[in-house]
Amino acid sequence: MYVLSTLVSAEYELNYYRYKCEKLSVPNQFLLTLMKLRMHTPNFQLRRMFHISECSVSNNFITWMNFMDRQRCELDIFPNRDVTTLFMPDDFRQTFPSTRLIVDGVERPVKKPKIL
């Protein structure tokens, strides 16, 4: 609910990809999208869980992905140079003083149960 509240009140005025899914509330639409993203839940399983058609699942997912993309692209995700320099390790700062951005390349596998 907190993440949903950060998306402003615009989620109640979504421009749906094909049609508005009247059967699902906005929080349930968001939950469906997060379940598909996090667990890669198949559409037929989401259809059964939320009691909607597979077409509605796809429509909802595409709508919410487009919406979240538009909302998040408005954020300024890059800190200014002073903040970058402040949190940079000393030896890194001496070797690469003009660094503007540090990218963390750690990969974390996502665990998915074999039997749902």
PDB file of N, CA and C in Angstrom:
ATOM      1  N   MET A   1       0.832  -1.198   0.000  1.00  0.00           N
ATOM      2  CA  MET A   1       0.000   0.000   0.000  1.00  0.00           C
ATOM      3  C   MET A   1       0.870   1.253   0.000  1.00  0.00           C
ATOM      4  N   TYR A   2       2.037   1.171   0.678  1.00  0.00           N
ATOM      5  CA  TYR A   2       2.921   2.332   0.696  1.00  0.00           C
ATOM      6  C   TYR A   2       3.435   2.647  -0.714  1.00  0.00           C
ATOM      7  N   VAL A   3       3.880   1.624  -1.418  1.00  0.00           N
ATOM      8  CA  VAL A   3       4.388   1.844  -2.781  1.00  0.00           C
ATOM      9  C   VAL A   3       3.279   2.386  -3.670  1.00  0.00           C
ATOM     10  N   LEU A   4       2.092   1.853  -3.513  1.00  0.00           N
ATOM     11  CA  LEU A   4       0.957   2.352  -4.287  1.00  0.00           C
ATOM     12  C   LEU A   4       0.686   3.821  -3.977  1.00  0.00           C
ATOM     13  N   SER A   5       0.819   4.204  -2.712  1.00  0.00           N
ATOM     14  CA  SER A   5       0.571   5.604  -2.348  1.00  0.00           C
ATOM     15  C   SER A   5       1.640   6.545  -2.902  1.00  0.00           C
ATOM     16  N   THR A   6       2.848   6.024  -3.200  1.00  0.00           N
ATOM     17  CA  THR A   6       3.898   6.875  -3.768  1.00  0.00           C
ATOM     18  C   THR A   6       3.656   7.193  -5.231  1.00  0.00           C
ATOM     19  N   LEU A   7       2.742   6.480  -5.850  1.00  0.00           N
ATOM     20  CA  LEU A   7       2.454   6.718  -7.263  1.00  0.00           C
ATOM     21  C   LEU A   7       1.459   7.852  -7.466  1.00  0.00           C
ATOM     22  N   VAL A   8       1.246   8.641  -6.431  1.00  0.00           N
ATOM     23  CA  VAL A   8       0.356   9.789  -6.456  1.00  0.00           C
ATOM     24  C   VAL A   8      -1.089   9.296  -6.617  1.00  0.00           C
ATOM     25  N   SER A   9      -2.007  10.174  -6.741  1.00  0.00           N
ATOM     26  CA  SER A   9      -3.407   9.783  -6.895  1.00  0.00           C
ATOM     27  C   SER A   9      -3.758   9.537  -8.355  1.00  0.00           C
ATOM     28  N   ALA A  10      -2.783   9.635  -9.231  1.00  0.00           N
ATOM     29  CA  ALA A  10      -3.045   9.466 -10.664  1.00  0.00           C
ATOM     30  C   ALA A  10      -3.437   8.046 -11.026  1.00  0.00           C
ATOM     31  N   GLU A  11      -3.146   7.065 -10.152  1.00  0.00           N
ATOM     32  CA  GLU A  11      -3.487   5.688 -10.489  1.00  0.00           C
ATOM     33  C   GLU A  11      -4.985   5.465 -10.588  1.00  0.00           C
ATOM     34  N   TYR A  12      -5.778   6.380 -10.032  1.00  0.00           N
ATOM     35  CA  TYR A  12      -7.221   6.246 -10.145  1.00  0.00           C
ATOM     36  C   TYR A  12      -7.750   6.829 -11.451  1.00  0.00           C
ATOM     37  N   GLU A  13      -6.867   7.394 -12.267  1.00  0.00           N
ATOM     38  CA  GLU A  13      -7.244   7.945 -13.566  1.00  0.00           C
ATOM     39  C   GLU A  13      -6.341   7.371 -14.659  1.00  0.00           C
ATOM     40  N   LEU A  14      -6.139   6.066 -14.624  1.00  0.00           N
ATOM     41  CA  LEU A  14      -5.261   5.408 -15.579  1.00  0.00           C
ATOM     42  C   LEU A  14      -5.839   5.433 -16.984  1.00  0.00           C
ATOM     43  N   ASN A  15      -4.955   5.511 -17.963  1.00  0.00           N
ATOM     44  CA  ASN A  15      -5.348   5.340 -19.365  1.00  0.00           C
ATOM     45  C   ASN A  15      -5.100   3.880 -19.704  1.00  0.00           C
ATOM     46  N   TYR A  16      -6.146   3.101 -19.693  1.00  0.00           N
ATOM     47  CA  TYR A  16      -6.008   1.667 -19.886  1.00  0.00           C
ATOM     48  C   TYR A  16      -5.625   1.334 -21.319  1.00  0.00           C
ATOM     49  N   TYR A  17      -4.855   0.264 -21.459  1.00  0.00           N
ATOM     50  CA  TYR A  17      -4.349  -0.165 -22.761  1.00  0.00           C
ATOM     51  C   TYR A  17      -5.498  -0.483 -23.708  1.00  0.00           C
ATOM     52  N   ARG A  18      -6.446  -1.293 -23.269  1.00  0.00           N
ATOM     53  CA  ARG A  18      -7.599  -1.611 -24.105  1.00  0.00           C
ATOM     54  C   ARG A  18      -8.895  -1.155 -23.462  1.00  0.00           C
ATOM     55  N   TYR A  19      -9.139  -1.612 -22.247  1.00  0.00           N
ATOM     56  CA  TYR A  19     -10.382  -1.283 -21.556  1.00  0.00           C
ATOM     57  C   TYR A  19     -10.143  -1.343 -20.057  1.00  0.00           C
ATOM     58  N   LYS A  20     -10.989  -0.691 -19.300  1.00  0.00           N
ATOM     59  CA  LYS A  20     -10.867  -0.668 -17.855  1.00  0.00           C
ATOM     60  C   LYS A  20     -11.442  -1.947 -17.262  1.00  0.00           C
ATOM     61  N   CYS A  21     -10.711  -2.557 -16.359  1.00  0.00           N
ATOM     62  CA  CYS A  21     -11.165  -3.773 -15.695  1.00  0.00           C
ATOM     63  C   CYS A  21     -12.000  -3.369 -14.481  1.00  0.00           C
ATOM     64  N   GLU A  22     -13.295  -3.494 -14.623  1.00  0.00           N
ATOM     65  CA  GLU A  22     -14.211  -3.059 -13.564  1.00  0.00           C
ATOM     66  C   GLU A  22     -14.229  -4.014 -12.371  1.00  0.00           C
ATOM     67  N   LYS A  23     -13.820  -5.265 -12.574  1.00  0.00           N
ATOM     68  CA  LYS A  23     -13.903  -6.255 -11.505  1.00  0.00           C
ATOM     69  C   LYS A  23     -12.831  -6.080 -10.431  1.00  0.00           C
ATOM     70  N   LEU A  24     -11.715  -5.450 -10.768  1.00  0.00           N
ATOM     71  CA  LEU A  24     -10.613  -5.322  -9.821  1.00  0.00           C
ATOM     72  C   LEU A  24     -10.487  -3.904  -9.296  1.00  0.00           C
ATOM     73  N   SER A  25     -10.244  -3.799  -8.005  1.00  0.00           N
ATOM     74  CA  SER A  25      -9.963  -2.484  -7.427  1.00  0.00           C
ATOM     75  C   SER A  25      -8.547  -2.071  -7.827  1.00  0.00           C
ATOM     76  N   VAL A  26      -8.223  -0.815  -7.664  1.00  0.00           N
ATOM     77  CA  VAL A  26      -6.893  -0.310  -8.013  1.00  0.00           C
ATOM     78  C   VAL A  26      -5.798  -1.024  -7.217  1.00  0.00           C
ATOM     79  N   PRO A  27      -5.945  -1.214  -5.895  1.00  0.00           N
ATOM     80  CA  PRO A  27      -4.900  -1.957  -5.174  1.00  0.00           C
ATOM     81  C   PRO A  27      -4.729  -3.392  -5.679  1.00  0.00           C
ATOM     82  N   ASN A  28      -5.807  -4.048  -6.073  1.00  0.00           N
ATOM     83  CA  ASN A  28      -5.693  -5.403  -6.610  1.00  0.00           C
ATOM     84  C   ASN A  28      -5.042  -5.411  -7.991  1.00  0.00           C
ATOM     85  N   GLN A  29      -5.297  -4.407  -8.785  1.00  0.00           N
ATOM     86  CA  GLN A  29      -4.634  -4.302 -10.083  1.00  0.00           C
ATOM     87  C   GLN A  29      -3.126  -4.149  -9.893  1.00  0.00           C
ATOM     88  N   PHE A  30      -2.768  -3.328  -8.924  1.00  0.00           N
ATOM     89  CA  PHE A  30      -1.344  -3.123  -8.631  1.00  0.00           C
ATOM     90  C   PHE A  30      -0.727  -4.410  -8.089  1.00  0.00           C
ATOM     91  N   LEU A  31      -1.445  -5.119  -7.220  1.00  0.00           N
ATOM     92  CA  LEU A  31      -0.958  -6.387  -6.682  1.00  0.00           C
ATOM     93  C   LEU A  31      -0.750  -7.400  -7.802  1.00  0.00           C
ATOM     94  N   LEU A  32      -1.674  -7.487  -8.718  1.00  0.00           N
ATOM     95  CA  LEU A  32      -1.544  -8.400  -9.853  1.00  0.00           C
ATOM     96  C   LEU A  32      -0.268  -8.095 -10.633  1.00  0.00           C
ATOM     97  N   THR A  33      -0.018  -6.822 -10.878  1.00  0.00           N
ATOM     98  CA  THR A  33       1.174  -6.410 -11.614  1.00  0.00           C
ATOM     99  C   THR A  33       2.442  -6.781 -10.858  1.00  0.00           C
ATOM    100  N   LEU A  34       2.465  -6.537  -9.558  1.00  0.00           N
ATOM    101  CA  LEU A  34       3.644  -6.873  -8.766  1.00  0.00           C
ATOM    102  C   LEU A  34       3.868  -8.381  -8.694  1.00  0.00           C
ATOM    103  N   MET A  35       2.798  -9.148  -8.624  1.00  0.00           N
ATOM    104  CA  MET A  35       2.929 -10.606  -8.604  1.00  0.00           C
ATOM    105  C   MET A  35       3.521 -11.117  -9.916  1.00  0.00           C
ATOM    106  N   LYS A  36       3.090 -10.535 -11.008  1.00  0.00           N
ATOM    107  CA  LYS A  36       3.621 -10.948 -12.310  1.00  0.00           C
ATOM    108  C   LYS A  36       5.096 -10.559 -12.434  1.00  0.00           C
ATOM    109  N   LEU A  37       5.461  -9.404 -11.926  1.00  0.00           N
ATOM    110  CA  LEU A  37       6.852  -8.964 -11.993  1.00  0.00           C
ATOM    111  C   LEU A  37       7.756  -9.780 -11.083  1.00  0.00           C
ATOM    112  N   ARG A  38       7.346  -9.962  -9.852  1.00  0.00           N
ATOM    113  CA  ARG A  38       8.213 -10.601  -8.856  1.00  0.00           C
ATOM    114  C   ARG A  38       8.313 -12.108  -9.030  1.00  0.00           C
ATOM    115  N   MET A  39       7.181 -12.760  -9.267  1.00  0.00           N
ATOM    116  CA  MET A  39       7.170 -14.222  -9.304  1.00  0.00           C
ATOM    117  C   MET A  39       6.992 -14.780 -10.710  1.00  0.00           C
ATOM    118  N   HIS A  40       6.836 -13.899 -11.688  1.00  0.00           N
ATOM    119  CA  HIS A  40       6.600 -14.301 -13.076  1.00  0.00           C
ATOM    120  C   HIS A  40       5.436 -15.280 -13.147  1.00  0.00           C
ATOM    121  N   THR A  41       4.373 -14.922 -12.455  1.00  0.00           N
ATOM    122  CA  THR A  41       3.181 -15.753 -12.402  1.00  0.00           C
ATOM    123  C   THR A  41       2.509 -15.772 -13.772  1.00  0.00           C
ATOM    124  N   PRO A  42       2.195 -16.944 -14.282  1.00  0.00           N
ATOM    125  CA  PRO A  42       1.543 -17.018 -15.608  1.00  0.00           C
ATOM    126  C   PRO A  42       0.165 -16.364 -15.599  1.00  0.00           C
ATOM    127  N   ASN A  43      -0.248 -15.903 -16.770  1.00  0.00           N
ATOM    128  CA  ASN A  43      -1.541 -15.220 -16.880  1.00  0.00           C
ATOM    129  C   ASN A  43      -2.710 -16.113 -16.472  1.00  0.00           C
ATOM    130  N   PHE A  44      -2.640 -17.403 -16.828  1.00  0.00           N
ATOM    131  CA  PHE A  44      -3.765 -18.277 -16.483  1.00  0.00           C
ATOM    132  C   PHE A  44      -3.912 -18.429 -14.972  1.00  0.00           C
ATOM    133  N   GLN A  45      -2.790 -18.401 -14.262  1.00  0.00           N
ATOM    134  CA  GLN A  45      -2.869 -18.507 -12.799  1.00  0.00           C
ATOM    135  C   GLN A  45      -3.405 -17.214 -12.185  1.00  0.00           C
ATOM    136  N   LEU A  46      -2.972 -16.076 -12.694  1.00  0.00           N
ATOM    137  CA  LEU A  46      -3.496 -14.797 -12.208  1.00  0.00           C
ATOM    138  C   LEU A  46      -4.986 -14.676 -12.530  1.00  0.00           C
ATOM    139  N   ARG A  47      -5.382 -15.180 -13.680  1.00  0.00           N
ATOM    140  CA  ARG A  47      -6.790 -15.168 -14.067  1.00  0.00           C
ATOM    141  C   ARG A  47      -7.627 -15.921 -13.038  1.00  0.00           C
ATOM    142  N   ARG A  48      -7.135 -17.066 -12.611  1.00  0.00           N
ATOM    143  CA  ARG A  48      -7.873 -17.865 -11.636  1.00  0.00           C
ATOM    144  C   ARG A  48      -7.867 -17.219 -10.257  1.00  0.00           C
ATOM    145  N   MET A  49      -6.759 -16.605  -9.881  1.00  0.00           N
ATOM    146  CA  MET A  49      -6.659 -15.992  -8.554  1.00  0.00           C
ATOM    147  C   MET A  49      -7.552 -14.771  -8.412  1.00  0.00           C
ATOM    148  N   PHE A  50      -7.633 -13.969  -9.481  1.00  0.00           N
ATOM    149  CA  PHE A  50      -8.378 -12.715  -9.422  1.00  0.00           C
ATOM    150  C   PHE A  50      -9.759 -12.795 -10.078  1.00  0.00           C
ATOM    151  N   HIS A  51     -10.090 -13.954 -10.626  1.00  0.00           N
ATOM    152  CA  HIS A  51     -11.408 -14.187 -11.245  1.00  0.00           C
ATOM    153  C   HIS A  51     -11.687 -13.212 -12.393  1.00  0.00           C
ATOM    154  N   ILE A  52     -10.697 -13.080 -13.279  1.00  0.00           N
ATOM    155  CA  ILE A  52     -10.853 -12.247 -14.467  1.00  0.00           C
ATOM    156  C   ILE A  52     -10.340 -13.035 -15.669  1.00  0.00           C
ATOM    157  N   SER A  53     -10.513 -12.519 -16.867  1.00  0.00           N
ATOM    158  CA  SER A  53     -10.041 -13.206 -18.070  1.00  0.00           C
ATOM    159  C   SER A  53      -8.536 -12.977 -18.257  1.00  0.00           C
ATOM    160  N   GLU A  54      -7.919 -13.851 -19.069  1.00  0.00           N
ATOM    161  CA  GLU A  54      -6.496 -13.680 -19.360  1.00  0.00           C
ATOM    162  C   GLU A  54      -6.242 -12.388 -20.128  1.00  0.00           C
ATOM    163  N   CYS A  55      -7.178 -12.003 -20.952  1.00  0.00           N
ATOM    164  CA  CYS A  55      -7.060 -10.738 -21.675  1.00  0.00           C
ATOM    165  C   CYS A  55      -7.039  -9.564 -20.695  1.00  0.00           C
ATOM    166  N   SER A  56      -7.832  -9.649 -19.636  1.00  0.00           N
ATOM    167  CA  SER A  56      -7.844  -8.597 -18.615  1.00  0.00           C
ATOM    168  C   SER A  56      -6.528  -8.558 -17.846  1.00  0.00           C
ATOM    169  N   VAL A  57      -5.946  -9.729 -17.625  1.00  0.00           N
ATOM    170  CA  VAL A  57      -4.646  -9.791 -16.949  1.00  0.00           C
ATOM    171  C   VAL A  57      -3.604  -9.061 -17.787  1.00  0.00           C
ATOM    172  N   SER A  58      -3.539  -9.383 -19.079  1.00  0.00           N
ATOM    173  CA  SER A  58      -2.579  -8.726 -19.977  1.00  0.00           C
ATOM    174  C   SER A  58      -2.828  -7.230 -20.065  1.00  0.00           C
ATOM    175  N   ASN A  59      -4.084  -6.854 -20.211  1.00  0.00           N
ATOM    176  CA  ASN A  59      -4.454  -5.446 -20.304  1.00  0.00           C
ATOM    177  C   ASN A  59      -4.021  -4.696 -19.050  1.00  0.00           C
ATOM    178  N   ASN A  60      -4.289  -5.279 -17.896  1.00  0.00           N
ATOM    179  CA  ASN A  60      -3.920  -4.662 -16.629  1.00  0.00           C
ATOM    180  C   ASN A  60      -2.404  -4.520 -16.506  1.00  0.00           C
ATOM    181  N   PHE A  61      -1.676  -5.570 -16.844  1.00  0.00           N
ATOM    182  CA  PHE A  61      -0.216  -5.553 -16.717  1.00  0.00           C
ATOM    183  C   PHE A  61       0.412  -4.496 -17.621  1.00  0.00           C
ATOM    184  N   ILE A  62      -0.006  -4.450 -18.865  1.00  0.00           N
ATOM    185  CA  ILE A  62       0.539  -3.460 -19.806  1.00  0.00           C
ATOM    186  C   ILE A  62       0.197  -2.049 -19.344  1.00  0.00           C
ATOM    187  N   THR A  63      -1.019  -1.845 -18.892  1.00  0.00           N
ATOM    188  CA  THR A  63      -1.446  -0.527 -18.417  1.00  0.00           C
ATOM    189  C   THR A  63      -0.592  -0.062 -17.247  1.00  0.00           C
ATOM    190  N   TRP A  64      -0.422  -0.928 -16.252  1.00  0.00           N
ATOM    191  CA  TRP A  64       0.337  -0.543 -15.066  1.00  0.00           C
ATOM    192  C   TRP A  64       1.824  -0.370 -15.341  1.00  0.00           C
ATOM    193  N   MET A  65       2.393  -1.171 -16.226  1.00  0.00           N
ATOM    194  CA  MET A  65       3.804  -1.008 -16.566  1.00  0.00           C
ATOM    195  C   MET A  65       4.030   0.337 -17.256  1.00  0.00           C
ATOM    196  N   ASN A  66       3.151   0.697 -18.170  1.00  0.00           N
ATOM    197  CA  ASN A  66       3.262   2.005 -18.835  1.00  0.00           C
ATOM    198  C   ASN A  66       3.096   3.142 -17.829  1.00  0.00           C
ATOM    199  N   PHE A  67       2.136   2.993 -16.928  1.00  0.00           N
ATOM    200  CA  PHE A  67       1.886   4.020 -15.922  1.00  0.00           C
ATOM    201  C   PHE A  67       3.085   4.201 -14.995  1.00  0.00           C
ATOM    202  N   MET A  68       3.626   3.090 -14.486  1.00  0.00           N
ATOM    203  CA  MET A  68       4.765   3.181 -13.565  1.00  0.00           C
ATOM    204  C   MET A  68       5.994   3.738 -14.272  1.00  0.00           C
ATOM    205  N   ASP A  69       6.161   3.415 -15.544  1.00  0.00           N
ATOM    206  CA  ASP A  69       7.275   3.960 -16.310  1.00  0.00           C
ATOM    207  C   ASP A  69       7.165   5.477 -16.420  1.00  0.00           C
ATOM    208  N   ARG A  70       5.969   5.967 -16.722  1.00  0.00           N
ATOM    209  CA  ARG A  70       5.777   7.428 -16.826  1.00  0.00           C
ATOM    210  C   ARG A  70       5.986   8.111 -15.475  1.00  0.00           C
ATOM    211  N   GLN A  71       5.535   7.489 -14.387  1.00  0.00           N
ATOM    212  CA  GLN A  71       5.678   8.082 -13.056  1.00  0.00           C
ATOM    213  C   GLN A  71       7.140   8.130 -12.625  1.00  0.00           C
ATOM    214  N   ARG A  72       7.862   7.051 -12.838  1.00  0.00           N
ATOM    215  CA  ARG A  72       9.246   6.970 -12.363  1.00  0.00           C
ATOM    216  C   ARG A  72      10.223   7.758 -13.221  1.00  0.00           C
ATOM    217  N   CYS A  73       9.891   8.005 -14.487  1.00  0.00           N
ATOM    218  CA  CYS A  73      10.823   8.763 -15.330  1.00  0.00           C
ATOM    219  C   CYS A  73      10.873  10.232 -14.921  1.00  0.00           C
ATOM    220  N   GLU A  74       9.915  10.670 -14.133  1.00  0.00           N
ATOM    221  CA  GLU A  74       9.917  12.052 -13.661  1.00  0.00           C
ATOM    222  C   GLU A  74      10.858  12.268 -12.478  1.00  0.00           C
ATOM    223  N   LEU A  75      11.331  11.180 -11.879  1.00  0.00           N
ATOM    224  CA  LEU A  75      12.232  11.295 -10.729  1.00  0.00           C
ATOM    225  C   LEU A  75      13.646  11.608 -11.177  1.00  0.00           C
ATOM    226  N   ASP A  76      14.335  12.408 -10.405  1.00  0.00           N
ATOM    227  CA  ASP A  76      15.751  12.676 -10.651  1.00  0.00           C
ATOM    228  C   ASP A  76      16.537  11.661  -9.835  1.00  0.00           C
ATOM    229  N   ILE A  77      17.010  10.599 -10.486  1.00  0.00           N
ATOM    230  CA  ILE A  77      17.649   9.509  -9.752  1.00  0.00           C
ATOM    231  C   ILE A  77      19.151   9.713  -9.559  1.00  0.00           C
ATOM    232  N   PHE A  78      19.743  10.673 -10.245  1.00  0.00           N
ATOM    233  CA  PHE A  78      21.173  10.884 -10.121  1.00  0.00           C
ATOM    234  C   PHE A  78      21.478  11.959  -9.081  1.00  0.00           C
ATOM    235  N   PRO A  79      22.276  11.624  -8.072  1.00  0.00           N
ATOM    236  CA  PRO A  79      22.635  12.633  -7.067  1.00  0.00           C
ATOM    237  C   PRO A  79      23.611  13.649  -7.658  1.00  0.00           C
ATOM    238  N   ASN A  80      23.693  14.815  -7.018  1.00  0.00           N
ATOM    239  CA  ASN A  80      24.637  15.811  -7.517  1.00  0.00           C
ATOM    240  C   ASN A  80      26.078  15.385  -7.190  1.00  0.00           C
ATOM    241  N   ARG A  81      27.041  16.068  -7.768  1.00  0.00           N
ATOM    242  CA  ARG A  81      28.447  15.685  -7.639  1.00  0.00           C
ATOM    243  C   ARG A  81      28.927  15.708  -6.185  1.00  0.00           C
ATOM    244  N   ASP A  82      28.441  16.659  -5.388  1.00  0.00           N
ATOM    245  CA  ASP A  82      28.865  16.747  -3.987  1.00  0.00           C
ATOM    246  C   ASP A  82      28.459  15.509  -3.189  1.00  0.00           C
ATOM    247  N   VAL A  83      27.254  15.034  -3.406  1.00  0.00           N
ATOM    248  CA  VAL A  83      26.783  13.839  -2.697  1.00  0.00           C
ATOM    249  C   VAL A  83      27.578  12.613  -3.138  1.00  0.00           C
ATOM    250  N   THR A  84      27.841  12.502  -4.446  1.00  0.00           N
ATOM    251  CA  THR A  84      28.632  11.381  -4.951  1.00  0.00           C
ATOM    252  C   THR A  84      30.024  11.386  -4.332  1.00  0.00           C
ATOM    253  N   THR A  85      30.649  12.536  -4.270  1.00  0.00           N
ATOM    254  CA  THR A  85      31.988  12.645  -3.696  1.00  0.00           C
ATOM    255  C   THR A  85      31.983  12.334  -2.204  1.00  0.00           C
ATOM    256  N   LEU A  86      30.957  12.763  -1.500  1.00  0.00           N
ATOM    257  CA  LEU A  86      30.859  12.525  -0.060  1.00  0.00           C
ATOM    258  C   LEU A  86      30.813  11.031   0.279  1.00  0.00           C
ATOM    259  N   PHE A  87      30.059  10.245  -0.492  1.00  0.00           N
ATOM    260  CA  PHE A  87      29.897   8.827  -0.197  1.00  0.00           C
ATOM    261  C   PHE A  87      30.875   7.921  -0.929  1.00  0.00           C
ATOM    262  N   MET A  88      31.771   8.496  -1.706  1.00  0.00           N
ATOM    263  CA  MET A  88      32.742   7.715  -2.452  1.00  0.00           C
ATOM    264  C   MET A  88      33.866   7.239  -1.524  1.00  0.00           C
ATOM    265  N   PRO A  89      34.314   5.983  -1.631  1.00  0.00           N
ATOM    266  CA  PRO A  89      35.447   5.520  -0.821  1.00  0.00           C
ATOM    267  C   PRO A  89      36.695   6.355  -1.110  1.00  0.00           C
ATOM    268  N   ASP A  90      37.518   6.567  -0.072  1.00  0.00           N
ATOM    269  CA  ASP A  90      38.690   7.448  -0.206  1.00  0.00           C
ATOM    270  C   ASP A  90      39.633   7.010  -1.319  1.00  0.00           C
ATOM    271  N   ASP A  91      39.992   5.732  -1.365  1.00  0.00           N
ATOM    272  CA  ASP A  91      40.920   5.287  -2.403  1.00  0.00           C
ATOM    273  C   ASP A  91      40.326   5.433  -3.811  1.00  0.00           C
ATOM    274  N   PHE A  92      39.026   5.257  -3.927  1.00  0.00           N
ATOM    275  CA  PHE A  92      38.366   5.438  -5.218  1.00  0.00           C
ATOM    276  C   PHE A  92      38.368   6.916  -5.597  1.00  0.00           C
ATOM    277  N   ARG A  93      38.137   7.800  -4.622  1.00  0.00           N
ATOM    278  CA  ARG A  93      38.121   9.244  -4.869  1.00  0.00           C
ATOM    279  C   ARG A  93      39.485   9.727  -5.342  1.00  0.00           C
ATOM    280  N   GLN A  94      40.561   9.175  -4.772  1.00  0.00           N
ATOM    281  CA  GLN A  94      41.913   9.584  -5.175  1.00  0.00           C
ATOM    282  C   GLN A  94      42.253   9.083  -6.574  1.00  0.00           C
ATOM    283  N   THR A  95      41.830   7.875  -6.899  1.00  0.00           N
ATOM    284  CA  THR A  95      42.143   7.300  -8.205  1.00  0.00           C
ATOM    285  C   THR A  95      41.264   7.869  -9.312  1.00  0.00           C
ATOM    286  N   PHE A  96      39.975   8.088  -9.015  1.00  0.00           N
ATOM    287  CA  PHE A  96      39.020   8.568 -10.020  1.00  0.00           C
ATOM    288  C   PHE A  96      38.286   9.809  -9.499  1.00  0.00           C
ATOM    289  N   PRO A  97      38.961  10.951  -9.448  1.00  0.00           N
ATOM    290  CA  PRO A  97      38.357  12.140  -8.831  1.00  0.00           C
ATOM    291  C   PRO A  97      37.178  12.750  -9.615  1.00  0.00           C
ATOM    292  N   SER A  98      37.070  12.460 -10.889  1.00  0.00           N
ATOM    293  CA  SER A  98      35.997  13.082 -11.680  1.00  0.00           C
ATOM    294  C   SER A  98      34.764  12.181 -11.818  1.00  0.00           C
ATOM    295  N   THR A  99      34.677  11.164 -10.994  1.00  0.00           N
ATOM    296  CA  THR A  99      33.541  10.236 -11.082  1.00  0.00           C
ATOM    297  C   THR A  99      32.243  10.949 -10.744  1.00  0.00           C
ATOM    298  N   ARG A 100      31.239  10.704 -11.557  1.00  0.00           N
ATOM    299  CA  ARG A 100      29.929  11.318 -11.347  1.00  0.00           C
ATOM    300  C   ARG A 100      28.899  10.296 -10.871  1.00  0.00           C
ATOM    301  N   LEU A 101      29.093   9.032 -11.250  1.00  0.00           N
ATOM    302  CA  LEU A 101      28.116   8.008 -10.940  1.00  0.00           C
ATOM    303  C   LEU A 101      28.830   6.686 -10.687  1.00  0.00           C
ATOM    304  N   ILE A 102      28.424   5.985  -9.648  1.00  0.00           N
ATOM    305  CA  ILE A 102      28.952   4.664  -9.343  1.00  0.00           C
ATOM    306  C   ILE A 102      27.811   3.670  -9.542  1.00  0.00           C
ATOM    307  N   VAL A 103      28.003   2.701 -10.432  1.00  0.00           N
ATOM    308  CA  VAL A 103      26.985   1.708 -10.721  1.00  0.00           C
ATOM    309  C   VAL A 103      27.329   0.434  -9.958  1.00  0.00           C
ATOM    310  N   ASP A 104      26.382  -0.057  -9.195  1.00  0.00           N
ATOM    311  CA  ASP A 104      26.567  -1.297  -8.459  1.00  0.00           C
ATOM    312  C   ASP A 104      26.115  -2.435  -9.358  1.00  0.00           C
ATOM    313  N   GLY A 105      27.023  -3.341  -9.664  1.00  0.00           N
ATOM    314  CA  GLY A 105      26.716  -4.423 -10.586  1.00  0.00           C
ATOM    315  C   GLY A 105      26.454  -5.754  -9.914  1.00  0.00           C
ATOM    316  N   VAL A 106      25.951  -5.740  -8.700  1.00  0.00           N
ATOM    317  CA  VAL A 106      25.675  -6.982  -7.993  1.00  0.00           C
ATOM    318  C   VAL A 106      24.415  -7.626  -8.563  1.00  0.00           C
ATOM    319  N   GLU A 107      24.506  -8.911  -8.868  1.00  0.00           N
ATOM    320  CA  GLU A 107      23.338  -9.637  -9.363  1.00  0.00           C
ATOM    321  C   GLU A 107      22.811 -10.527  -8.260  1.00  0.00           C
ATOM    322  N   ARG A 108      21.515 -10.540  -8.108  1.00  0.00           N
ATOM    323  CA  ARG A 108      20.883 -11.379  -7.098  1.00  0.00           C
ATOM    324  C   ARG A 108      19.855 -12.273  -7.800  1.00  0.00           C
ATOM    325  N   PRO A 109      20.000 -13.586  -7.646  1.00  0.00           N
ATOM    326  CA  PRO A 109      19.018 -14.468  -8.288  1.00  0.00           C
ATOM    327  C   PRO A 109      17.670 -14.388  -7.589  1.00  0.00           C
ATOM    328  N   VAL A 110      16.625 -14.534  -8.363  1.00  0.00           N
ATOM    329  CA  VAL A 110      15.272 -14.529  -7.822  1.00  0.00           C
ATOM    330  C   VAL A 110      14.845 -15.979  -7.659  1.00  0.00           C
ATOM    331  N   LYS A 111      14.446 -16.340  -6.456  1.00  0.00           N
ATOM    332  CA  LYS A 111      14.027 -17.713  -6.201  1.00  0.00           C
ATOM    333  C   LYS A 111      12.555 -17.871  -6.514  1.00  0.00           C
ATOM    334  N   LYS A 112      12.234 -18.917  -7.249  1.00  0.00           N
ATOM    335  CA  LYS A 112      10.855 -19.211  -7.604  1.00  0.00           C
ATOM    336  C   LYS A 112      10.604 -20.675  -7.237  1.00  0.00           C
ATOM    337  N   PRO A 113       9.573 -20.959  -6.488  1.00  0.00           N
ATOM    338  CA  PRO A 113       9.329 -22.347  -6.113  1.00  0.00           C
ATOM    339  C   PRO A 113       9.021 -23.205  -7.343  1.00  0.00           C
ATOM    340  N   LYS A 114       9.518 -24.441  -7.340  1.00  0.00           N
ATOM    341  CA  LYS A 114       9.254 -25.330  -8.467  1.00  0.00           C
ATOM    342  C   LYS A 114       7.797 -25.780  -8.477  1.00  0.00           C
ATOM    343  N   ILE A 115       7.259 -26.017  -7.279  1.00  0.00           N
ATOM    344  CA  ILE A 115       5.871 -26.419  -7.167  1.00  0.00           C
ATOM    345  C   ILE A 115       5.120 -25.288  -6.483  1.00  0.00           C
ATOM    346  N   LEU A 116       4.161 -24.689  -7.192  1.00  0.00           N
ATOM    347  CA  LEU A 116       3.478 -23.520  -6.654  1.00  0.00           C
ATOM    348  C   LEU A 116       2.479 -23.874  -5.593  1.00  0.00           C
TER     349      LEU A 116
END
